[in-house]
Amino acid sequence: MAKKNHQTAGDWSAVSHPQVHAPETCPLGEGGSDSLFDSTVEGIKLIGRYGANTQHTLFYSVEANDVVALHKFLLPGFKRCTSTITPVSEVPVPKD
């Protein structure tokens, strides 16, 4: 199968880099870092998650069908965390 050379609106990846919470709102003992995201959201594929735990910072690599799915994925942490979403792609910048 040939590798795709383009991605459609419903076929993109994003990295949430980072999701940060204050020590005062740390979920330690209250569900832990698993309580800050919902990996069961339709349209989300969690590729990896990484923690800089002493910095109270989590990093996610996900594939998402749309931004609504991404918002739902991060919704559990909305009252504790801030997130910066960076879309990424394997598609190069067009030269024309």
PDB file of N, CA and C in Angstrom:
ATOM      1  N   MET A   1       0.845  -1.174   0.000  1.00  0.00           N
ATOM      2  CA  MET A   1       0.000   0.000   0.000  1.00  0.00           C
ATOM      3  C   MET A   1       0.894   1.241   0.000  1.00  0.00           C
ATOM      4  N   ALA A   2       0.597   2.168  -0.857  1.00  0.00           N
ATOM      5  CA  ALA A   2       1.378   3.398  -0.969  1.00  0.00           C
ATOM      6  C   ALA A   2       1.078   4.318   0.204  1.00  0.00           C
ATOM      7  N   LYS A   3       2.087   5.022   0.643  1.00  0.00           N
ATOM      8  CA  LYS A   3       1.910   5.980   1.725  1.00  0.00           C
ATOM      9  C   LYS A   3       1.133   7.185   1.217  1.00  0.00           C
ATOM     10  N   LYS A   4       0.183   7.658   2.034  1.00  0.00           N
ATOM     11  CA  LYS A   4      -0.590   8.837   1.660  1.00  0.00           C
ATOM     12  C   LYS A   4       0.331  10.043   1.570  1.00  0.00           C
ATOM     13  N   ASN A   5       0.071  10.900   0.598  1.00  0.00           N
ATOM     14  CA  ASN A   5       0.873  12.116   0.487  1.00  0.00           C
ATOM     15  C   ASN A   5       0.087  13.352   0.911  1.00  0.00           C
ATOM     16  N   HIS A   6      -1.080  13.140   1.478  1.00  0.00           N
ATOM     17  CA  HIS A   6      -1.864  14.261   1.992  1.00  0.00           C
ATOM     18  C   HIS A   6      -2.742  13.769   3.125  1.00  0.00           C
ATOM     19  N   GLN A   7      -3.200  14.688   3.915  1.00  0.00           N
ATOM     20  CA  GLN A   7      -4.120  14.358   4.985  1.00  0.00           C
ATOM     21  C   GLN A   7      -5.382  15.178   4.797  1.00  0.00           C
ATOM     22  N   THR A   8      -6.508  14.571   5.078  1.00  0.00           N
ATOM     23  CA  THR A   8      -7.772  15.274   4.943  1.00  0.00           C
ATOM     24  C   THR A   8      -8.125  15.949   6.258  1.00  0.00           C
ATOM     25  N   ALA A   9      -9.169  16.738   6.241  1.00  0.00           N
ATOM     26  CA  ALA A   9      -9.601  17.452   7.444  1.00  0.00           C
ATOM     27  C   ALA A   9      -9.906  16.493   8.583  1.00  0.00           C
ATOM     28  N   GLY A  10     -10.340  15.285   8.267  1.00  0.00           N
ATOM     29  CA  GLY A  10     -10.660  14.312   9.299  1.00  0.00           C
ATOM     30  C   GLY A  10      -9.530  13.353   9.583  1.00  0.00           C
ATOM     31  N   ASP A  11      -8.315  13.692   9.222  1.00  0.00           N
ATOM     32  CA  ASP A  11      -7.183  12.783   9.351  1.00  0.00           C
ATOM     33  C   ASP A  11      -5.952  13.592   9.736  1.00  0.00           C
ATOM     34  N   TRP A  12      -5.845  13.951  11.006  1.00  0.00           N
ATOM     35  CA  TRP A  12      -4.703  14.744  11.416  1.00  0.00           C
ATOM     36  C   TRP A  12      -4.251  14.321  12.801  1.00  0.00           C
ATOM     37  N   SER A  13      -3.102  14.730  13.166  1.00  0.00           N
ATOM     38  CA  SER A  13      -2.540  14.412  14.469  1.00  0.00           C
ATOM     39  C   SER A  13      -2.321  15.695  15.247  1.00  0.00           C
ATOM     40  N   ALA A  14      -2.235  15.553  16.533  1.00  0.00           N
ATOM     41  CA  ALA A  14      -1.944  16.708  17.372  1.00  0.00           C
ATOM     42  C   ALA A  14      -1.115  16.260  18.557  1.00  0.00           C
ATOM     43  N   VAL A  15      -0.319  17.145  19.035  1.00  0.00           N
ATOM     44  CA  VAL A  15       0.407  16.924  20.266  1.00  0.00           C
ATOM     45  C   VAL A  15      -0.070  17.984  21.247  1.00  0.00           C
ATOM     46  N   SER A  16      -0.536  17.558  22.396  1.00  0.00           N
ATOM     47  CA  SER A  16      -0.869  18.497  23.457  1.00  0.00           C
ATOM     48  C   SER A  16       0.415  18.701  24.237  1.00  0.00           C
ATOM     49  N   HIS A  17       0.960  19.854  24.111  1.00  0.00           N
ATOM     50  CA  HIS A  17       2.304  20.048  24.646  1.00  0.00           C
ATOM     51  C   HIS A  17       2.410  21.367  25.333  1.00  0.00           C
ATOM     52  N   PRO A  18       2.305  21.464  26.534  1.00  0.00           N
ATOM     53  CA  PRO A  18       2.030  20.469  27.564  1.00  0.00           C
ATOM     54  C   PRO A  18       0.650  20.655  28.187  1.00  0.00           C
ATOM     55  N   GLN A  19       0.292  19.751  29.078  1.00  0.00           N
ATOM     56  CA  GLN A  19      -0.856  19.939  29.963  1.00  0.00           C
ATOM     57  C   GLN A  19      -0.247  20.141  31.353  1.00  0.00           C
ATOM     58  N   VAL A  20      -0.463  21.312  31.919  1.00  0.00           N
ATOM     59  CA  VAL A  20       0.203  21.711  33.164  1.00  0.00           C
ATOM     60  C   VAL A  20      -0.830  21.977  34.253  1.00  0.00           C
ATOM     61  N   HIS A  21      -0.545  21.505  35.453  1.00  0.00           N
ATOM     62  CA  HIS A  21      -1.370  21.853  36.609  1.00  0.00           C
ATOM     63  C   HIS A  21      -0.461  22.348  37.731  1.00  0.00           C
ATOM     64  N   ALA A  22      -1.017  23.111  38.631  1.00  0.00           N
ATOM     65  CA  ALA A  22      -0.274  23.616  39.783  1.00  0.00           C
ATOM     66  C   ALA A  22      -0.159  22.520  40.838  1.00  0.00           C
ATOM     67  N   PRO A  23       0.864  22.573  41.679  1.00  0.00           N
ATOM     68  CA  PRO A  23       0.966  21.586  42.753  1.00  0.00           C
ATOM     69  C   PRO A  23      -0.301  21.530  43.615  1.00  0.00           C
ATOM     70  N   GLU A  24      -0.943  22.670  43.810  1.00  0.00           N
ATOM     71  CA  GLU A  24      -2.161  22.726  44.636  1.00  0.00           C
ATOM     72  C   GLU A  24      -3.334  21.978  44.007  1.00  0.00           C
ATOM     73  N   THR A  25      -3.321  21.795  42.703  1.00  0.00           N
ATOM     74  CA  THR A  25      -4.420  21.088  42.026  1.00  0.00           C
ATOM     75  C   THR A  25      -3.979  19.721  41.506  1.00  0.00           C
ATOM     76  N   CYS A  26      -2.832  19.239  41.983  1.00  0.00           N
ATOM     77  CA  CYS A  26      -2.311  17.943  41.542  1.00  0.00           C
ATOM     78  C   CYS A  26      -3.321  16.834  41.856  1.00  0.00           C
ATOM     79  N   PRO A  27      -3.562  15.931  40.908  1.00  0.00           N
ATOM     80  CA  PRO A  27      -4.522  14.861  41.131  1.00  0.00           C
ATOM     81  C   PRO A  27      -3.956  13.663  41.900  1.00  0.00           C
ATOM     82  N   LEU A  28      -2.739  13.766  42.427  1.00  0.00           N
ATOM     83  CA  LEU A  28      -2.146  12.692  43.213  1.00  0.00           C
ATOM     84  C   LEU A  28      -3.078  12.343  44.370  1.00  0.00           C
ATOM     85  N   GLY A  29      -3.453  11.085  44.460  1.00  0.00           N
ATOM     86  CA  GLY A  29      -4.379  10.649  45.497  1.00  0.00           C
ATOM     87  C   GLY A  29      -5.839  10.888  45.162  1.00  0.00           C
ATOM     88  N   GLU A  30      -6.101  11.487  43.997  1.00  0.00           N
ATOM     89  CA  GLU A  30      -7.474  11.767  43.551  1.00  0.00           C
ATOM     90  C   GLU A  30      -7.667  11.309  42.113  1.00  0.00           C
ATOM     91  N   GLY A  31      -7.175  10.128  41.795  1.00  0.00           N
ATOM     92  CA  GLY A  31      -7.312   9.599  40.442  1.00  0.00           C
ATOM     93  C   GLY A  31      -6.029   9.670  39.636  1.00  0.00           C
ATOM     94  N   GLY A  32      -5.054  10.425  40.121  1.00  0.00           N
ATOM     95  CA  GLY A  32      -3.766  10.520  39.434  1.00  0.00           C
ATOM     96  C   GLY A  32      -3.880  11.149  38.059  1.00  0.00           C
ATOM     97  N   SER A  33      -2.805  11.030  37.301  1.00  0.00           N
ATOM     98  CA  SER A  33      -2.768  11.668  35.978  1.00  0.00           C
ATOM     99  C   SER A  33      -3.802  11.091  35.016  1.00  0.00           C
ATOM    100  N   ASP A  34      -4.246   9.843  35.257  1.00  0.00           N
ATOM    101  CA  ASP A  34      -5.288   9.257  34.402  1.00  0.00           C
ATOM    102  C   ASP A  34      -6.604  10.024  34.487  1.00  0.00           C
ATOM    103  N   SER A  35      -6.791  10.796  35.553  1.00  0.00           N
ATOM    104  CA  SER A  35      -8.047  11.538  35.720  1.00  0.00           C
ATOM    105  C   SER A  35      -8.066  12.846  34.939  1.00  0.00           C
ATOM    106  N   LEU A  36      -6.971  13.178  34.246  1.00  0.00           N
ATOM    107  CA  LEU A  36      -6.876  14.457  33.541  1.00  0.00           C
ATOM    108  C   LEU A  36      -7.215  14.371  32.060  1.00  0.00           C
ATOM    109  N   PHE A  37      -7.509  13.166  31.560  1.00  0.00           N
ATOM    110  CA  PHE A  37      -7.858  12.994  30.153  1.00  0.00           C
ATOM    111  C   PHE A  37      -8.804  11.812  30.024  1.00  0.00           C
ATOM    112  N   ASP A  38      -9.463  11.723  28.870  1.00  0.00           N
ATOM    113  CA  ASP A  38     -10.409  10.637  28.600  1.00  0.00           C
ATOM    114  C   ASP A  38     -10.018   9.954  27.299  1.00  0.00           C
ATOM    115  N   SER A  39      -9.313   8.842  27.409  1.00  0.00           N
ATOM    116  CA  SER A  39      -8.836   8.132  26.219  1.00  0.00           C
ATOM    117  C   SER A  39      -9.934   7.338  25.519  1.00  0.00           C
ATOM    118  N   THR A  40     -11.156   7.322  26.075  1.00  0.00           N
ATOM    119  CA  THR A  40     -12.254   6.580  25.449  1.00  0.00           C
ATOM    120  C   THR A  40     -13.051   7.420  24.454  1.00  0.00           C
ATOM    121  N   VAL A  41     -12.675   8.671  24.273  1.00  0.00           N
ATOM    122  CA  VAL A  41     -13.409   9.561  23.367  1.00  0.00           C
ATOM    123  C   VAL A  41     -13.311   9.036  21.940  1.00  0.00           C
ATOM    124  N   GLU A  42     -14.464   8.941  21.275  1.00  0.00           N
ATOM    125  CA  GLU A  42     -14.495   8.517  19.874  1.00  0.00           C
ATOM    126  C   GLU A  42     -13.759   9.547  19.021  1.00  0.00           C
ATOM    127  N   GLY A  43     -12.913   9.051  18.120  1.00  0.00           N
ATOM    128  CA  GLY A  43     -12.163   9.939  17.238  1.00  0.00           C
ATOM    129  C   GLY A  43     -10.786  10.293  17.762  1.00  0.00           C
ATOM    130  N   ILE A  44     -10.391   9.682  18.889  1.00  0.00           N
ATOM    131  CA  ILE A  44      -9.071   9.921  19.487  1.00  0.00           C
ATOM    132  C   ILE A  44      -8.313   8.603  19.560  1.00  0.00           C
ATOM    133  N   LYS A  45      -7.056   8.643  19.159  1.00  0.00           N
ATOM    134  CA  LYS A  45      -6.160   7.504  19.353  1.00  0.00           C
ATOM    135  C   LYS A  45      -4.956   8.023  20.133  1.00  0.00           C
ATOM    136  N   LEU A  46      -4.810   7.563  21.363  1.00  0.00           N
ATOM    137  CA  LEU A  46      -3.691   7.971  22.205  1.00  0.00           C
ATOM    138  C   LEU A  46      -2.460   7.180  21.778  1.00  0.00           C
ATOM    139  N   ILE A  47      -1.466   7.863  21.240  1.00  0.00           N
ATOM    140  CA  ILE A  47      -0.232   7.234  20.769  1.00  0.00           C
ATOM    141  C   ILE A  47       0.749   7.073  21.923  1.00  0.00           C
ATOM    142  N   GLY A  48       0.840   8.087  22.766  1.00  0.00           N
ATOM    143  CA  GLY A  48       1.745   8.033  23.910  1.00  0.00           C
ATOM    144  C   GLY A  48       1.454   9.149  24.881  1.00  0.00           C
ATOM    145  N   ARG A  49       1.844   8.929  26.112  1.00  0.00           N
ATOM    146  CA  ARG A  49       1.717   9.972  27.130  1.00  0.00           C
ATOM    147  C   ARG A  49       2.947   9.907  28.009  1.00  0.00           C
ATOM    148  N   TYR A  50       3.396  11.070  28.403  1.00  0.00           N
ATOM    149  CA  TYR A  50       4.656  11.172  29.118  1.00  0.00           C
ATOM    150  C   TYR A  50       4.498  12.208  30.219  1.00  0.00           C
ATOM    151  N   GLY A  51       5.151  11.993  31.341  1.00  0.00           N
ATOM    152  CA  GLY A  51       5.032  12.925  32.449  1.00  0.00           C
ATOM    153  C   GLY A  51       6.371  13.468  32.902  1.00  0.00           C
ATOM    154  N   ALA A  52       6.411  14.758  33.115  1.00  0.00           N
ATOM    155  CA  ALA A  52       7.497  15.405  33.851  1.00  0.00           C
ATOM    156  C   ALA A  52       6.884  15.671  35.223  1.00  0.00           C
ATOM    157  N   ASN A  53       6.800  14.612  36.010  1.00  0.00           N
ATOM    158  CA  ASN A  53       5.958  14.615  37.205  1.00  0.00           C
ATOM    159  C   ASN A  53       6.328  15.678  38.225  1.00  0.00           C
ATOM    160  N   THR A  54       7.614  15.916  38.444  1.00  0.00           N
ATOM    161  CA  THR A  54       7.992  16.929  39.430  1.00  0.00           C
ATOM    162  C   THR A  54       7.703  18.342  38.945  1.00  0.00           C
ATOM    163  N   GLN A  55       7.421  18.478  37.650  1.00  0.00           N
ATOM    164  CA  GLN A  55       7.027  19.774  37.087  1.00  0.00           C
ATOM    165  C   GLN A  55       5.511  19.879  36.941  1.00  0.00           C
ATOM    166  N   HIS A  56       4.790  18.823  37.328  1.00  0.00           N
ATOM    167  CA  HIS A  56       3.333  18.779  37.213  1.00  0.00           C
ATOM    168  C   HIS A  56       2.909  19.027  35.766  1.00  0.00           C
ATOM    169  N   THR A  57       3.600  18.362  34.838  1.00  0.00           N
ATOM    170  CA  THR A  57       3.390  18.558  33.407  1.00  0.00           C
ATOM    171  C   THR A  57       3.253  17.211  32.716  1.00  0.00           C
ATOM    172  N   LEU A  58       2.226  17.085  31.870  1.00  0.00           N
ATOM    173  CA  LEU A  58       2.007  15.876  31.075  1.00  0.00           C
ATOM    174  C   LEU A  58       2.063  16.229  29.601  1.00  0.00           C
ATOM    175  N   PHE A  59       2.529  15.281  28.805  1.00  0.00           N
ATOM    176  CA  PHE A  59       2.606  15.450  27.356  1.00  0.00           C
ATOM    177  C   PHE A  59       1.858  14.292  26.716  1.00  0.00           C
ATOM    178  N   TYR A  60       1.037  14.580  25.712  1.00  0.00           N
ATOM    179  CA  TYR A  60       0.289  13.553  24.999  1.00  0.00           C
ATOM    180  C   TYR A  60       0.606  13.626  23.519  1.00  0.00           C
ATOM    181  N   SER A  61       0.678  12.473  22.902  1.00  0.00           N
ATOM    182  CA  SER A  61       0.717  12.385  21.450  1.00  0.00           C
ATOM    183  C   SER A  61      -0.546  11.638  21.046  1.00  0.00           C
ATOM    184  N   VAL A  62      -1.391  12.292  20.264  1.00  0.00           N
ATOM    185  CA  VAL A  62      -2.670  11.699  19.878  1.00  0.00           C
ATOM    186  C   VAL A  62      -2.924  11.889  18.393  1.00  0.00           C
ATOM    187  N   GLU A  63      -3.748  11.016  17.844  1.00  0.00           N
ATOM    188  CA  GLU A  63      -4.349  11.230  16.528  1.00  0.00           C
ATOM    189  C   GLU A  63      -5.796  11.585  16.798  1.00  0.00           C
ATOM    190  N   ALA A  64      -6.279  12.631  16.144  1.00  0.00           N
ATOM    191  CA  ALA A  64      -7.640  13.105  16.388  1.00  0.00           C
ATOM    192  C   ALA A  64      -8.355  13.344  15.071  1.00  0.00           C
ATOM    193  N   ASN A  65      -9.648  13.005  15.036  1.00  0.00           N
ATOM    194  CA  ASN A  65     -10.456  13.265  13.846  1.00  0.00           C
ATOM    195  C   ASN A  65     -10.809  14.736  13.715  1.00  0.00           C
ATOM    196  N   ASP A  66     -10.985  15.411  14.846  1.00  0.00           N
ATOM    197  CA  ASP A  66     -11.333  16.830  14.809  1.00  0.00           C
ATOM    198  C   ASP A  66     -11.035  17.465  16.159  1.00  0.00           C
ATOM    199  N   VAL A  67     -11.136  18.772  16.212  1.00  0.00           N
ATOM    200  CA  VAL A  67     -10.806  19.503  17.430  1.00  0.00           C
ATOM    201  C   VAL A  67     -11.817  19.239  18.540  1.00  0.00           C
ATOM    202  N   VAL A  68     -13.060  18.933  18.202  1.00  0.00           N
ATOM    203  CA  VAL A  68     -14.060  18.631  19.223  1.00  0.00           C
ATOM    204  C   VAL A  68     -13.651  17.374  19.988  1.00  0.00           C
ATOM    205  N   ALA A  69     -13.202  16.358  19.274  1.00  0.00           N
ATOM    206  CA  ALA A  69     -12.732  15.136  19.932  1.00  0.00           C
ATOM    207  C   ALA A  69     -11.546  15.440  20.843  1.00  0.00           C
ATOM    208  N   LEU A  70     -10.661  16.293  20.390  1.00  0.00           N
ATOM    209  CA  LEU A  70      -9.502  16.667  21.195  1.00  0.00           C
ATOM    210  C   LEU A  70      -9.930  17.413  22.460  1.00  0.00           C
ATOM    211  N   HIS A  71     -10.889  18.316  22.334  1.00  0.00           N
ATOM    212  CA  HIS A  71     -11.407  19.020  23.513  1.00  0.00           C
ATOM    213  C   HIS A  71     -12.036  18.034  24.498  1.00  0.00           C
ATOM    214  N   LYS A  72     -12.803  17.074  23.993  1.00  0.00           N
ATOM    215  CA  LYS A  72     -13.424  16.072  24.866  1.00  0.00           C
ATOM    216  C   LYS A  72     -12.364  15.215  25.555  1.00  0.00           C
ATOM    217  N   PHE A  73     -11.289  14.892  24.835  1.00  0.00           N
ATOM    218  CA  PHE A  73     -10.179  14.126  25.398  1.00  0.00           C
ATOM    219  C   PHE A  73      -9.572  14.857  26.601  1.00  0.00           C
ATOM    220  N   LEU A  74      -9.422  16.166  26.498  1.00  0.00           N
ATOM    221  CA  LEU A  74      -8.795  16.967  27.551  1.00  0.00           C
ATOM    222  C   LEU A  74      -9.783  17.482  28.601  1.00  0.00           C
ATOM    223  N   LEU A  75     -11.078  17.329  28.361  1.00  0.00           N
ATOM    224  CA  LEU A  75     -12.108  17.892  29.238  1.00  0.00           C
ATOM    225  C   LEU A  75     -11.939  17.537  30.719  1.00  0.00           C
ATOM    226  N   PRO A  76     -11.588  16.307  31.077  1.00  0.00           N
ATOM    227  CA  PRO A  76     -11.462  16.007  32.510  1.00  0.00           C
ATOM    228  C   PRO A  76     -10.450  16.893  33.248  1.00  0.00           C
ATOM    229  N   GLY A  77      -9.479  17.433  32.550  1.00  0.00           N
ATOM    230  CA  GLY A  77      -8.482  18.277  33.193  1.00  0.00           C
ATOM    231  C   GLY A  77      -8.737  19.766  33.082  1.00  0.00           C
ATOM    232  N   PHE A  78      -9.850  20.162  32.448  1.00  0.00           N
ATOM    233  CA  PHE A  78     -10.095  21.589  32.193  1.00  0.00           C
ATOM    234  C   PHE A  78     -10.083  22.451  33.460  1.00  0.00           C
ATOM    235  N   LYS A  79     -10.554  21.935  34.591  1.00  0.00           N
ATOM    236  CA  LYS A  79     -10.619  22.748  35.809  1.00  0.00           C
ATOM    237  C   LYS A  79      -9.326  22.719  36.614  1.00  0.00           C
ATOM    238  N   ARG A  80      -8.373  21.870  36.207  1.00  0.00           N
ATOM    239  CA  ARG A  80      -7.100  21.754  36.928  1.00  0.00           C
ATOM    240  C   ARG A  80      -5.901  22.185  36.106  1.00  0.00           C
ATOM    241  N   CYS A  81      -6.028  22.146  34.787  1.00  0.00           N
ATOM    242  CA  CYS A  81      -4.858  22.268  33.917  1.00  0.00           C
ATOM    243  C   CYS A  81      -5.059  23.308  32.822  1.00  0.00           C
ATOM    244  N   THR A  82      -3.942  23.711  32.263  1.00  0.00           N
ATOM    245  CA  THR A  82      -3.961  24.441  31.001  1.00  0.00           C
ATOM    246  C   THR A  82      -3.250  23.564  29.980  1.00  0.00           C
ATOM    247  N   SER A  83      -3.649  23.674  28.728  1.00  0.00           N
ATOM    248  CA  SER A  83      -3.056  22.866  27.660  1.00  0.00           C
ATOM    249  C   SER A  83      -2.743  23.741  26.465  1.00  0.00           C
ATOM    250  N   THR A  84      -1.650  23.427  25.830  1.00  0.00           N
ATOM    251  CA  THR A  84      -1.291  24.044  24.565  1.00  0.00           C
ATOM    252  C   THR A  84      -1.363  22.954  23.511  1.00  0.00           C
ATOM    253  N   ILE A  85      -2.205  23.142  22.499  1.00  0.00           N
ATOM    254  CA  ILE A  85      -2.399  22.143  21.454  1.00  0.00           C
ATOM    255  C   ILE A  85      -1.592  22.545  20.231  1.00  0.00           C
ATOM    256  N   THR A  86      -0.754  21.650  19.765  1.00  0.00           N
ATOM    257  CA  THR A  86       0.057  21.907  18.582  1.00  0.00           C
ATOM    258  C   THR A  86      -0.246  20.851  17.529  1.00  0.00           C
ATOM    259  N   PRO A  87      -0.894  21.219  16.412  1.00  0.00           N
ATOM    260  CA  PRO A  87      -1.130  20.239  15.354  1.00  0.00           C
ATOM    261  C   PRO A  87       0.178  19.902  14.647  1.00  0.00           C
ATOM    262  N   VAL A  88       0.348  18.631  14.360  1.00  0.00           N
ATOM    263  CA  VAL A  88       1.523  18.170  13.626  1.00  0.00           C
ATOM    264  C   VAL A  88       1.076  17.267  12.491  1.00  0.00           C
ATOM    265  N   SER A  89       1.919  17.119  11.486  1.00  0.00           N
ATOM    266  CA  SER A  89       1.579  16.330  10.309  1.00  0.00           C
ATOM    267  C   SER A  89       2.855  15.809   9.667  1.00  0.00           C
ATOM    268  N   GLU A  90       2.735  14.717   8.930  1.00  0.00           N
ATOM    269  CA  GLU A  90       3.847  14.209   8.128  1.00  0.00           C
ATOM    270  C   GLU A  90       3.901  14.891   6.766  1.00  0.00           C
ATOM    271  N   VAL A  91       2.912  15.710   6.479  1.00  0.00           N
ATOM    272  CA  VAL A  91       2.797  16.353   5.174  1.00  0.00           C
ATOM    273  C   VAL A  91       3.719  17.571   5.124  1.00  0.00           C
ATOM    274  N   PRO A  92       4.607  17.650   4.125  1.00  0.00           N
ATOM    275  CA  PRO A  92       5.485  18.813   4.023  1.00  0.00           C
ATOM    276  C   PRO A  92       4.720  20.054   3.564  1.00  0.00           C
ATOM    277  N   VAL A  93       5.311  21.202   3.809  1.00  0.00           N
ATOM    278  CA  VAL A  93       4.733  22.464   3.350  1.00  0.00           C
ATOM    279  C   VAL A  93       4.782  22.479   1.823  1.00  0.00           C
ATOM    280  N   PRO A  94       3.667  22.829   1.151  1.00  0.00           N
ATOM    281  CA  PRO A  94       3.672  22.859  -0.315  1.00  0.00           C
ATOM    282  C   PRO A  94       4.662  23.897  -0.841  1.00  0.00           C
ATOM    283  N   LYS A  95       5.287  23.578  -1.944  1.00  0.00           N
ATOM    284  CA  LYS A  95       6.287  24.479  -2.531  1.00  0.00           C
ATOM    285  C   LYS A  95       5.714  25.340  -3.640  1.00  0.00           C
ATOM    286  N   ASP A  96       4.436  25.199  -3.927  1.00  0.00           N
ATOM    287  CA  ASP A  96       3.831  26.001  -4.999  1.00  0.00           C
ATOM    288  C   ASP A  96       2.919  27.057  -4.463  1.00  0.00           C
TER     289      ASP A  96
END
